[in-house]
Amino acid sequence: MGLLALLALGACSHSHERAQQQLTDIDVALLAAGPDGEKYLPDRVNDIETRLRGLRASLDRHDDAAVLKGAPALLADAQGLARAAATKKLEARRSREEQWATLSVALTRDLPRLQTRLEFLRRSAHRKQAAGIDLPGARADLGVCESLWSKAQGAFGNDNLEEAVSTAREVKQRAEALATRLRLEPSLAP
């Protein structure tokens, strides 16, 4: 084998190794985005994975030039994914904090109102106003609301804002339905 052939073979081998390393770097950057990338930017993750499969197919065909040409832009996108996912995560957290604040104010005010209304209707002097209302059922529903509200507050205390807000929304819906059944003007609007 001539010197020129050996140099060409060495250049091809070096080019192939560089192409493989580029794909490995993209994999590492994609992993750095982790579950947050998949949760907050699933379309971008899918796009990067699709483009990465295309580059892997090029590498399998020994088209190292195509890999080396396409890999830098894909690497930059993959590296930017972690930052973008962190930004989206922060935005989602802020949004949940705002939702929690609104729900917390409303439910802290309105659950006692429901309790007061229920006690008012249970008194014998107000039985006429309670006609047609299932008071034991309403009491049970209020108990569920209070239990769920405690759960939401516990989740908030454990910094699980997603569960806290989700549970608080459920409490709000149940409380609004109960207010209607108790013929109480709902003031549960944020």
N, C-alpha and C. Protein backbone atom coordinates (compact mmCIF):
# COMPACT_ATOMS: atom_id res chain seq x y z
N MET A 1 0.85 -1.16 0.00
CA MET A 1 0.00 0.00 0.00
C MET A 1 0.90 1.22 0.00
N GLY A 2 0.54 2.16 -0.81
CA GLY A 2 1.37 3.34 -0.94
C GLY A 2 1.13 4.31 0.20
N LEU A 3 2.05 5.26 0.29
CA LEU A 3 1.97 6.27 1.34
C LEU A 3 0.70 7.09 1.21
N LEU A 4 0.31 7.41 0.00
CA LEU A 4 -0.89 8.19 -0.23
C LEU A 4 -2.14 7.43 0.23
N ALA A 5 -2.19 6.15 -0.01
CA ALA A 5 -3.32 5.32 0.41
C ALA A 5 -3.40 5.25 1.93
N LEU A 6 -2.24 5.13 2.57
CA LEU A 6 -2.22 5.08 4.03
C LEU A 6 -2.69 6.41 4.64
N LEU A 7 -2.25 7.51 4.03
CA LEU A 7 -2.69 8.82 4.51
C LEU A 7 -4.20 9.00 4.34
N ALA A 8 -4.72 8.55 3.22
CA ALA A 8 -6.15 8.65 2.95
C ALA A 8 -6.94 7.80 3.95
N LEU A 9 -6.43 6.58 4.22
CA LEU A 9 -7.08 5.69 5.17
C LEU A 9 -7.05 6.31 6.57
N GLY A 10 -5.93 6.92 6.93
CA GLY A 10 -5.80 7.58 8.24
C GLY A 10 -6.74 8.77 8.34
N ALA A 11 -6.85 9.53 7.28
CA ALA A 11 -7.74 10.70 7.28
C ALA A 11 -9.20 10.25 7.41
N CYS A 12 -9.55 9.17 6.72
CA CYS A 12 -10.92 8.65 6.82
C CYS A 12 -11.20 8.17 8.23
N SER A 13 -10.24 7.47 8.80
CA SER A 13 -10.41 6.97 10.16
C SER A 13 -10.56 8.12 11.14
N HIS A 14 -9.73 9.15 10.99
CA HIS A 14 -9.80 10.32 11.87
C HIS A 14 -11.13 11.04 11.68
N SER A 15 -11.57 11.17 10.44
CA SER A 15 -12.84 11.82 10.14
C SER A 15 -14.00 11.04 10.76
N HIS A 16 -13.94 9.72 10.69
CA HIS A 16 -15.00 8.87 11.25
C HIS A 16 -15.03 9.00 12.78
N GLU A 17 -13.86 9.04 13.39
CA GLU A 17 -13.78 9.20 14.85
C GLU A 17 -14.34 10.56 15.28
N ARG A 18 -14.00 11.61 14.53
CA ARG A 18 -14.54 12.94 14.84
C ARG A 18 -16.06 12.95 14.72
N ALA A 19 -16.57 12.29 13.68
CA ALA A 19 -18.02 12.23 13.48
C ALA A 19 -18.68 11.48 14.63
N GLN A 20 -18.08 10.36 15.03
CA GLN A 20 -18.63 9.61 16.17
C GLN A 20 -18.62 10.46 17.44
N GLN A 21 -17.52 11.19 17.65
CA GLN A 21 -17.41 12.03 18.85
C GLN A 21 -18.47 13.13 18.83
N GLN A 22 -18.72 13.70 17.67
CA GLN A 22 -19.76 14.73 17.57
C GLN A 22 -21.12 14.17 17.99
N LEU A 23 -21.44 12.97 17.54
CA LEU A 23 -22.72 12.36 17.89
C LEU A 23 -22.78 12.05 19.39
N THR A 24 -21.66 11.62 19.94
CA THR A 24 -21.60 11.37 21.39
C THR A 24 -21.82 12.67 22.16
N ASP A 25 -21.21 13.75 21.70
CA ASP A 25 -21.39 15.05 22.35
C ASP A 25 -22.87 15.49 22.30
N ILE A 26 -23.52 15.22 21.20
CA ILE A 26 -24.94 15.56 21.07
C ILE A 26 -25.76 14.72 22.05
N ASP A 27 -25.44 13.43 22.15
CA ASP A 27 -26.14 12.56 23.11
C ASP A 27 -25.99 13.09 24.53
N VAL A 28 -24.77 13.50 24.89
CA VAL A 28 -24.51 14.01 26.24
C VAL A 28 -25.32 15.29 26.48
N ALA A 29 -25.34 16.18 25.49
CA ALA A 29 -26.10 17.43 25.64
C ALA A 29 -27.59 17.15 25.77
N LEU A 30 -28.08 16.18 25.03
CA LEU A 30 -29.49 15.80 25.10
C LEU A 30 -29.82 15.21 26.47
N LEU A 31 -28.92 14.41 26.99
CA LEU A 31 -29.12 13.84 28.33
C LEU A 31 -29.10 14.92 29.41
N ALA A 32 -28.31 15.97 29.19
CA ALA A 32 -28.22 17.05 30.17
C ALA A 32 -29.57 17.75 30.34
N ALA A 33 -30.36 17.79 29.30
CA ALA A 33 -31.69 18.41 29.39
C ALA A 33 -32.61 17.53 30.23
N GLY A 34 -32.36 16.23 30.22
CA GLY A 34 -33.06 15.28 31.08
C GLY A 34 -34.57 15.34 30.96
N PRO A 35 -35.24 14.95 32.05
CA PRO A 35 -36.70 14.91 32.05
C PRO A 35 -37.34 16.29 31.87
N ASP A 36 -36.64 17.35 32.30
CA ASP A 36 -37.21 18.69 32.12
C ASP A 36 -37.38 19.02 30.65
N GLY A 37 -36.42 18.61 29.83
CA GLY A 37 -36.54 18.84 28.39
C GLY A 37 -37.76 18.15 27.82
N GLU A 38 -37.95 16.90 28.22
CA GLU A 38 -39.10 16.14 27.72
C GLU A 38 -40.41 16.69 28.25
N LYS A 39 -40.41 17.20 29.47
CA LYS A 39 -41.64 17.70 30.07
C LYS A 39 -42.04 19.06 29.53
N TYR A 40 -41.06 19.96 29.41
CA TYR A 40 -41.38 21.34 29.06
C TYR A 40 -41.19 21.67 27.58
N LEU A 41 -40.38 20.89 26.88
CA LEU A 41 -40.12 21.16 25.45
C LEU A 41 -40.12 19.86 24.64
N PRO A 42 -41.19 19.10 24.70
CA PRO A 42 -41.19 17.80 24.02
C PRO A 42 -41.00 17.90 22.51
N ASP A 43 -41.53 18.93 21.89
CA ASP A 43 -41.39 19.07 20.44
C ASP A 43 -39.93 19.30 20.06
N ARG A 44 -39.23 20.12 20.84
CA ARG A 44 -37.81 20.36 20.55
C ARG A 44 -36.99 19.10 20.76
N VAL A 45 -37.31 18.34 21.81
CA VAL A 45 -36.59 17.08 22.06
C VAL A 45 -36.81 16.14 20.88
N ASN A 46 -38.07 16.01 20.44
CA ASN A 46 -38.37 15.13 19.30
C ASN A 46 -37.63 15.56 18.05
N ASP A 47 -37.57 16.87 17.80
CA ASP A 47 -36.87 17.40 16.64
C ASP A 47 -35.38 17.04 16.70
N ILE A 48 -34.78 17.25 17.85
CA ILE A 48 -33.36 16.96 18.00
C ILE A 48 -33.11 15.46 17.84
N GLU A 49 -33.96 14.63 18.44
CA GLU A 49 -33.79 13.18 18.31
C GLU A 49 -33.95 12.71 16.86
N THR A 50 -34.90 13.31 16.14
CA THR A 50 -35.09 12.96 14.74
C THR A 50 -33.86 13.33 13.92
N ARG A 51 -33.36 14.53 14.12
CA ARG A 51 -32.16 14.97 13.39
C ARG A 51 -30.95 14.12 13.77
N LEU A 52 -30.86 13.73 15.04
CA LEU A 52 -29.75 12.88 15.48
C LEU A 52 -29.82 11.50 14.82
N ARG A 53 -31.02 10.95 14.69
CA ARG A 53 -31.16 9.67 13.98
C ARG A 53 -30.69 9.79 12.54
N GLY A 54 -31.00 10.93 11.92
CA GLY A 54 -30.55 11.15 10.55
C GLY A 54 -29.03 11.18 10.46
N LEU A 55 -28.38 11.85 11.41
CA LEU A 55 -26.92 11.89 11.41
C LEU A 55 -26.33 10.52 11.69
N ARG A 56 -26.97 9.75 12.55
CA ARG A 56 -26.49 8.38 12.81
C ARG A 56 -26.59 7.53 11.56
N ALA A 57 -27.68 7.71 10.81
CA ALA A 57 -27.83 6.97 9.55
C ALA A 57 -26.72 7.37 8.58
N SER A 58 -26.38 8.65 8.56
CA SER A 58 -25.27 9.09 7.70
C SER A 58 -23.96 8.45 8.14
N LEU A 59 -23.75 8.37 9.44
CA LEU A 59 -22.52 7.75 9.95
C LEU A 59 -22.49 6.27 9.58
N ASP A 60 -23.62 5.60 9.66
CA ASP A 60 -23.69 4.18 9.28
C ASP A 60 -23.37 3.98 7.80
N ARG A 61 -23.69 4.98 6.99
CA ARG A 61 -23.39 4.91 5.55
C ARG A 61 -21.96 5.39 5.26
N HIS A 62 -21.25 5.70 6.33
CA HIS A 62 -19.87 6.22 6.24
C HIS A 62 -19.81 7.56 5.51
N ASP A 63 -20.88 8.32 5.66
CA ASP A 63 -20.91 9.67 5.10
C ASP A 63 -20.51 10.63 6.22
N ASP A 64 -19.23 10.54 6.59
CA ASP A 64 -18.71 11.34 7.70
C ASP A 64 -18.83 12.84 7.42
N ALA A 65 -18.69 13.22 6.17
CA ALA A 65 -18.77 14.64 5.82
C ALA A 65 -20.15 15.21 6.17
N ALA A 66 -21.21 14.43 5.92
CA ALA A 66 -22.57 14.90 6.25
C ALA A 66 -22.73 15.04 7.76
N VAL A 67 -22.14 14.12 8.51
CA VAL A 67 -22.23 14.19 9.97
C VAL A 67 -21.47 15.42 10.47
N LEU A 68 -20.26 15.59 9.99
CA LEU A 68 -19.44 16.72 10.44
C LEU A 68 -20.04 18.06 10.02
N LYS A 69 -20.78 18.07 8.94
CA LYS A 69 -21.43 19.30 8.50
C LYS A 69 -22.67 19.61 9.36
N GLY A 70 -23.48 18.59 9.67
CA GLY A 70 -24.73 18.81 10.39
C GLY A 70 -24.61 18.80 11.90
N ALA A 71 -23.56 18.19 12.43
CA ALA A 71 -23.45 18.02 13.87
C ALA A 71 -23.29 19.33 14.66
N PRO A 72 -22.51 20.31 14.20
CA PRO A 72 -22.34 21.51 15.03
C PRO A 72 -23.65 22.25 15.33
N ALA A 73 -24.50 22.38 14.34
CA ALA A 73 -25.78 23.07 14.57
C ALA A 73 -26.66 22.25 15.51
N LEU A 74 -26.65 20.94 15.32
CA LEU A 74 -27.47 20.08 16.18
C LEU A 74 -26.92 20.08 17.60
N LEU A 75 -25.61 20.11 17.75
CA LEU A 75 -25.01 20.17 19.08
C LEU A 75 -25.41 21.47 19.78
N ALA A 76 -25.38 22.56 19.06
CA ALA A 76 -25.78 23.84 19.65
C ALA A 76 -27.25 23.80 20.08
N ASP A 77 -28.10 23.20 19.26
CA ASP A 77 -29.52 23.08 19.62
C ASP A 77 -29.69 22.20 20.86
N ALA A 78 -28.95 21.10 20.90
CA ALA A 78 -29.04 20.18 22.03
C ALA A 78 -28.52 20.85 23.31
N GLN A 79 -27.45 21.61 23.20
CA GLN A 79 -26.91 22.31 24.37
C GLN A 79 -27.88 23.41 24.83
N GLY A 80 -28.54 24.06 23.92
CA GLY A 80 -29.50 25.09 24.26
C GLY A 80 -30.78 24.53 24.87
N LEU A 81 -31.03 23.26 24.64
CA LEU A 81 -32.23 22.63 25.16
C LEU A 81 -32.28 22.66 26.69
N ALA A 82 -31.18 22.36 27.34
CA ALA A 82 -31.15 22.36 28.81
C ALA A 82 -31.46 23.75 29.36
N ARG A 83 -30.87 24.76 28.75
CA ARG A 83 -31.14 26.14 29.21
C ARG A 83 -32.60 26.52 28.97
N ALA A 84 -33.10 26.19 27.80
CA ALA A 84 -34.50 26.52 27.48
C ALA A 84 -35.47 25.77 28.40
N ALA A 85 -35.16 24.50 28.69
CA ALA A 85 -36.03 23.72 29.59
C ALA A 85 -35.99 24.32 31.00
N ALA A 86 -34.83 24.75 31.45
CA ALA A 86 -34.73 25.37 32.77
C ALA A 86 -35.54 26.65 32.83
N THR A 87 -35.52 27.43 31.76
CA THR A 87 -36.30 28.65 31.69
C THR A 87 -37.80 28.34 31.74
N LYS A 88 -38.23 27.35 30.95
CA LYS A 88 -39.65 26.96 30.94
C LYS A 88 -40.07 26.44 32.31
N LYS A 89 -39.19 25.69 32.96
CA LYS A 89 -39.49 25.15 34.28
C LYS A 89 -39.69 26.30 35.28
N LEU A 90 -38.83 27.30 35.20
CA LEU A 90 -38.93 28.45 36.09
C LEU A 90 -40.23 29.22 35.83
N GLU A 91 -40.57 29.41 34.56
CA GLU A 91 -41.82 30.09 34.21
C GLU A 91 -43.03 29.32 34.74
N ALA A 92 -42.99 28.00 34.61
CA ALA A 92 -44.09 27.17 35.10
C ALA A 92 -44.20 27.27 36.62
N ARG A 93 -43.05 27.30 37.29
CA ARG A 93 -43.06 27.42 38.75
C ARG A 93 -43.68 28.76 39.17
N ARG A 94 -43.27 29.83 38.51
CA ARG A 94 -43.83 31.15 38.83
C ARG A 94 -45.34 31.17 38.61
N SER A 95 -45.77 30.57 37.53
CA SER A 95 -47.20 30.51 37.24
C SER A 95 -47.94 29.74 38.32
N ARG A 96 -47.39 28.60 38.74
CA ARG A 96 -48.03 27.82 39.80
C ARG A 96 -48.02 28.59 41.12
N GLU A 97 -46.96 29.33 41.39
CA GLU A 97 -46.92 30.13 42.62
C GLU A 97 -48.03 31.18 42.62
N GLU A 98 -48.24 31.82 41.46
CA GLU A 98 -49.31 32.81 41.35
C GLU A 98 -50.68 32.15 41.51
N GLN A 99 -50.86 30.99 40.86
CA GLN A 99 -52.12 30.28 40.98
C GLN A 99 -52.36 29.87 42.43
N TRP A 100 -51.31 29.39 43.09
CA TRP A 100 -51.45 28.98 44.49
C TRP A 100 -51.88 30.16 45.35
N ALA A 101 -51.24 31.30 45.14
CA ALA A 101 -51.58 32.48 45.95
C ALA A 101 -53.05 32.84 45.79
N THR A 102 -53.54 32.83 44.57
CA THR A 102 -54.94 33.16 44.31
C THR A 102 -55.88 32.13 44.93
N LEU A 103 -55.58 30.86 44.71
CA LEU A 103 -56.42 29.80 45.26
C LEU A 103 -56.39 29.79 46.79
N SER A 104 -55.23 30.02 47.33
CA SER A 104 -55.06 30.01 48.78
C SER A 104 -55.91 31.08 49.45
N VAL A 105 -55.88 32.27 48.88
CA VAL A 105 -56.70 33.37 49.43
C VAL A 105 -58.18 33.01 49.35
N ALA A 106 -58.61 32.54 48.20
CA ALA A 106 -60.02 32.23 48.01
C ALA A 106 -60.48 31.10 48.93
N LEU A 107 -59.71 30.04 49.01
CA LEU A 107 -60.15 28.89 49.80
C LEU A 107 -60.05 29.15 51.30
N THR A 108 -59.06 29.91 51.71
CA THR A 108 -58.94 30.26 53.12
C THR A 108 -60.14 31.10 53.56
N ARG A 109 -60.67 31.88 52.66
CA ARG A 109 -61.85 32.71 52.93
C ARG A 109 -63.14 31.89 52.83
N ASP A 110 -63.23 31.05 51.79
CA ASP A 110 -64.52 30.46 51.47
C ASP A 110 -64.84 29.14 52.16
N LEU A 111 -63.85 28.36 52.54
CA LEU A 111 -64.18 27.13 53.26
C LEU A 111 -64.84 27.45 54.61
N PRO A 112 -64.36 28.42 55.37
CA PRO A 112 -65.09 28.78 56.59
C PRO A 112 -66.50 29.32 56.31
N ARG A 113 -66.68 30.02 55.19
CA ARG A 113 -68.02 30.49 54.82
C ARG A 113 -68.97 29.31 54.61
N LEU A 114 -68.45 28.26 53.97
CA LEU A 114 -69.28 27.08 53.76
C LEU A 114 -69.64 26.43 55.10
N GLN A 115 -68.66 26.35 55.99
CA GLN A 115 -68.90 25.79 57.32
C GLN A 115 -69.97 26.60 58.06
N THR A 116 -69.84 27.91 58.01
CA THR A 116 -70.82 28.79 58.68
C THR A 116 -72.21 28.60 58.08
N ARG A 117 -72.29 28.53 56.77
CA ARG A 117 -73.59 28.36 56.10
C ARG A 117 -74.21 27.03 56.48
N LEU A 118 -73.40 26.00 56.51
CA LEU A 118 -73.90 24.68 56.86
C LEU A 118 -74.42 24.66 58.30
N GLU A 119 -73.70 25.27 59.21
CA GLU A 119 -74.14 25.35 60.60
C GLU A 119 -75.44 26.17 60.71
N PHE A 120 -75.53 27.24 59.96
CA PHE A 120 -76.73 28.07 59.94
C PHE A 120 -77.95 27.23 59.52
N LEU A 121 -77.77 26.45 58.45
CA LEU A 121 -78.89 25.66 57.93
C LEU A 121 -79.25 24.49 58.85
N ARG A 122 -78.33 24.02 59.64
CA ARG A 122 -78.60 22.88 60.53
C ARG A 122 -79.40 23.30 61.76
N ARG A 123 -79.39 24.55 62.10
CA ARG A 123 -80.15 25.02 63.27
C ARG A 123 -81.64 24.88 62.99
N SER A 124 -82.37 24.49 64.00
CA SER A 124 -83.80 24.24 63.81
C SER A 124 -84.56 25.49 63.37
N ALA A 125 -84.10 26.65 63.78
CA ALA A 125 -84.79 27.89 63.41
C ALA A 125 -84.70 28.17 61.91
N HIS A 126 -83.77 27.54 61.24
CA HIS A 126 -83.56 27.82 59.81
C HIS A 126 -83.86 26.60 58.94
N ARG A 127 -84.59 25.64 59.48
CA ARG A 127 -84.90 24.40 58.75
C ARG A 127 -85.64 24.68 57.44
N LYS A 128 -86.47 25.72 57.45
CA LYS A 128 -87.25 26.03 56.25
C LYS A 128 -86.30 26.38 55.09
N GLN A 129 -85.26 27.13 55.38
CA GLN A 129 -84.29 27.48 54.34
C GLN A 129 -83.48 26.27 53.89
N ALA A 130 -83.41 25.24 54.72
CA ALA A 130 -82.64 24.04 54.41
C ALA A 130 -83.47 23.00 53.65
N ALA A 131 -84.74 23.31 53.38
CA ALA A 131 -85.61 22.35 52.71
C ALA A 131 -85.01 21.95 51.36
N GLY A 132 -84.95 20.66 51.16
CA GLY A 132 -84.43 20.14 49.89
C GLY A 132 -82.92 20.02 49.83
N ILE A 133 -82.23 20.38 50.89
CA ILE A 133 -80.77 20.28 50.92
C ILE A 133 -80.38 19.06 51.75
N ASP A 134 -79.58 18.21 51.20
CA ASP A 134 -79.07 17.04 51.91
C ASP A 134 -77.95 17.52 52.84
N LEU A 135 -78.31 17.88 54.07
CA LEU A 135 -77.33 18.44 54.99
C LEU A 135 -76.23 17.44 55.39
N PRO A 136 -76.57 16.16 55.66
CA PRO A 136 -75.49 15.22 55.95
C PRO A 136 -74.54 15.04 54.75
N GLY A 137 -75.11 15.01 53.57
CA GLY A 137 -74.27 14.90 52.37
C GLY A 137 -73.40 16.13 52.18
N ALA A 138 -73.99 17.30 52.46
CA ALA A 138 -73.23 18.55 52.35
C ALA A 138 -72.10 18.57 53.37
N ARG A 139 -72.38 18.09 54.58
CA ARG A 139 -71.35 18.03 55.62
C ARG A 139 -70.21 17.11 55.18
N ALA A 140 -70.58 15.97 54.59
CA ALA A 140 -69.56 15.03 54.11
C ALA A 140 -68.72 15.67 52.99
N ASP A 141 -69.40 16.39 52.10
CA ASP A 141 -68.68 17.06 51.00
C ASP A 141 -67.73 18.14 51.54
N LEU A 142 -68.18 18.86 52.57
CA LEU A 142 -67.31 19.85 53.18
C LEU A 142 -66.10 19.18 53.82
N GLY A 143 -66.32 18.02 54.44
CA GLY A 143 -65.21 17.26 55.01
C GLY A 143 -64.19 16.85 53.96
N VAL A 144 -64.68 16.45 52.78
CA VAL A 144 -63.78 16.10 51.68
C VAL A 144 -62.99 17.33 51.24
N CYS A 145 -63.67 18.46 51.13
CA CYS A 145 -63.00 19.71 50.75
C CYS A 145 -61.90 20.05 51.75
N GLU A 146 -62.23 19.95 53.02
CA GLU A 146 -61.25 20.30 54.05
C GLU A 146 -60.06 19.33 54.03
N SER A 147 -60.35 18.06 53.82
CA SER A 147 -59.27 17.06 53.74
C SER A 147 -58.36 17.32 52.54
N LEU A 148 -58.98 17.59 51.40
CA LEU A 148 -58.19 17.88 50.19
C LEU A 148 -57.40 19.18 50.36
N TRP A 149 -57.99 20.15 51.03
CA TRP A 149 -57.30 21.42 51.26
C TRP A 149 -56.06 21.19 52.14
N SER A 150 -56.21 20.32 53.15
CA SER A 150 -55.05 19.97 53.99
C SER A 150 -53.97 19.29 53.16
N LYS A 151 -54.41 18.43 52.26
CA LYS A 151 -53.46 17.74 51.37
C LYS A 151 -52.74 18.76 50.49
N ALA A 152 -53.48 19.71 49.94
CA ALA A 152 -52.89 20.75 49.09
C ALA A 152 -51.88 21.58 49.88
N GLN A 153 -52.25 21.94 51.10
CA GLN A 153 -51.34 22.73 51.93
C GLN A 153 -50.08 21.94 52.28
N GLY A 154 -50.24 20.64 52.51
CA GLY A 154 -49.08 19.79 52.77
C GLY A 154 -48.17 19.71 51.56
N ALA A 155 -48.76 19.57 50.38
CA ALA A 155 -47.96 19.54 49.16
C ALA A 155 -47.22 20.85 48.96
N PHE A 156 -47.90 21.96 49.26
CA PHE A 156 -47.26 23.26 49.16
C PHE A 156 -46.10 23.36 50.15
N GLY A 157 -46.32 22.88 51.36
CA GLY A 157 -45.27 22.90 52.37
C GLY A 157 -44.07 22.06 51.99
N ASN A 158 -44.30 21.02 51.19
CA ASN A 158 -43.21 20.16 50.71
C ASN A 158 -42.66 20.63 49.37
N ASP A 159 -43.04 21.83 48.95
CA ASP A 159 -42.58 22.45 47.71
C ASP A 159 -42.99 21.65 46.47
N ASN A 160 -44.11 20.96 46.57
CA ASN A 160 -44.66 20.27 45.42
C ASN A 160 -45.81 21.12 44.88
N LEU A 161 -45.42 22.17 44.18
CA LEU A 161 -46.41 23.15 43.71
C LEU A 161 -47.39 22.57 42.71
N GLU A 162 -46.91 21.66 41.90
CA GLU A 162 -47.79 21.08 40.89
C GLU A 162 -48.96 20.34 41.56
N GLU A 163 -48.66 19.52 42.55
CA GLU A 163 -49.72 18.80 43.26
C GLU A 163 -50.56 19.77 44.09
N ALA A 164 -49.92 20.75 44.72
CA ALA A 164 -50.64 21.71 45.55
C ALA A 164 -51.68 22.46 44.72
N VAL A 165 -51.29 22.96 43.57
CA VAL A 165 -52.22 23.72 42.73
C VAL A 165 -53.31 22.82 42.17
N SER A 166 -52.92 21.64 41.72
CA SER A 166 -53.90 20.71 41.17
C SER A 166 -54.96 20.34 42.22
N THR A 167 -54.51 20.05 43.42
CA THR A 167 -55.44 19.68 44.48
C THR A 167 -56.28 20.88 44.90
N ALA A 168 -55.68 22.05 44.97
CA ALA A 168 -56.43 23.26 45.34
C ALA A 168 -57.50 23.57 44.29
N ARG A 169 -57.20 23.33 43.03
CA ARG A 169 -58.22 23.53 41.98
C ARG A 169 -59.40 22.59 42.19
N GLU A 170 -59.08 21.35 42.55
CA GLU A 170 -60.15 20.39 42.81
C GLU A 170 -61.00 20.85 44.00
N VAL A 171 -60.35 21.34 45.04
CA VAL A 171 -61.08 21.85 46.21
C VAL A 171 -61.97 23.01 45.79
N LYS A 172 -61.44 23.90 44.98
CA LYS A 172 -62.21 25.07 44.53
C LYS A 172 -63.46 24.63 43.77
N GLN A 173 -63.32 23.67 42.88
CA GLN A 173 -64.48 23.18 42.12
C GLN A 173 -65.52 22.55 43.04
N ARG A 174 -65.05 21.73 43.96
CA ARG A 174 -65.97 21.07 44.90
C ARG A 174 -66.66 22.12 45.79
N ALA A 175 -65.89 23.10 46.24
CA ALA A 175 -66.45 24.13 47.12
C ALA A 175 -67.49 24.97 46.37
N GLU A 176 -67.23 25.27 45.12
CA GLU A 176 -68.21 26.02 44.33
C GLU A 176 -69.50 25.23 44.17
N ALA A 177 -69.37 23.93 43.90
CA ALA A 177 -70.56 23.08 43.76
C ALA A 177 -71.32 23.02 45.08
N LEU A 178 -70.59 22.91 46.17
CA LEU A 178 -71.23 22.86 47.48
C LEU A 178 -71.92 24.18 47.81
N ALA A 179 -71.29 25.29 47.47
CA ALA A 179 -71.89 26.61 47.71
C ALA A 179 -73.21 26.72 46.97
N THR A 180 -73.26 26.22 45.76
CA THR A 180 -74.50 26.25 44.98
C THR A 180 -75.57 25.40 45.66
N ARG A 181 -75.18 24.20 46.10
CA ARG A 181 -76.15 23.32 46.76
C ARG A 181 -76.66 23.93 48.07
N LEU A 182 -75.82 24.68 48.76
CA LEU A 182 -76.21 25.30 50.02
C LEU A 182 -76.89 26.65 49.81
N ARG A 183 -77.09 26.99 48.52
CA ARG A 183 -77.73 28.26 48.15
C ARG A 183 -76.97 29.45 48.72
N LEU A 184 -75.67 29.34 48.61
CA LEU A 184 -74.77 30.40 49.08
C LEU A 184 -74.16 31.04 47.85
N GLU A 185 -74.22 32.34 47.78
CA GLU A 185 -73.62 33.04 46.65
C GLU A 185 -72.12 32.75 46.64
N PRO A 186 -71.64 32.11 45.59
CA PRO A 186 -70.22 31.78 45.57
C PRO A 186 -69.36 33.01 45.39
N SER A 187 -68.36 33.12 46.22
CA SER A 187 -67.38 34.21 46.05
C SER A 187 -66.03 33.59 45.81
N LEU A 188 -66.07 32.43 45.13
CA LEU A 188 -64.84 31.68 44.94
C LEU A 188 -64.11 32.10 43.68
N ALA A 189 -64.61 33.11 43.01
CA ALA A 189 -63.90 33.59 41.82
C ALA A 189 -62.60 34.24 42.25
N PRO A 190 -61.53 34.04 41.46
CA PRO A 190 -60.24 34.63 41.84
C PRO A 190 -60.29 36.13 41.80
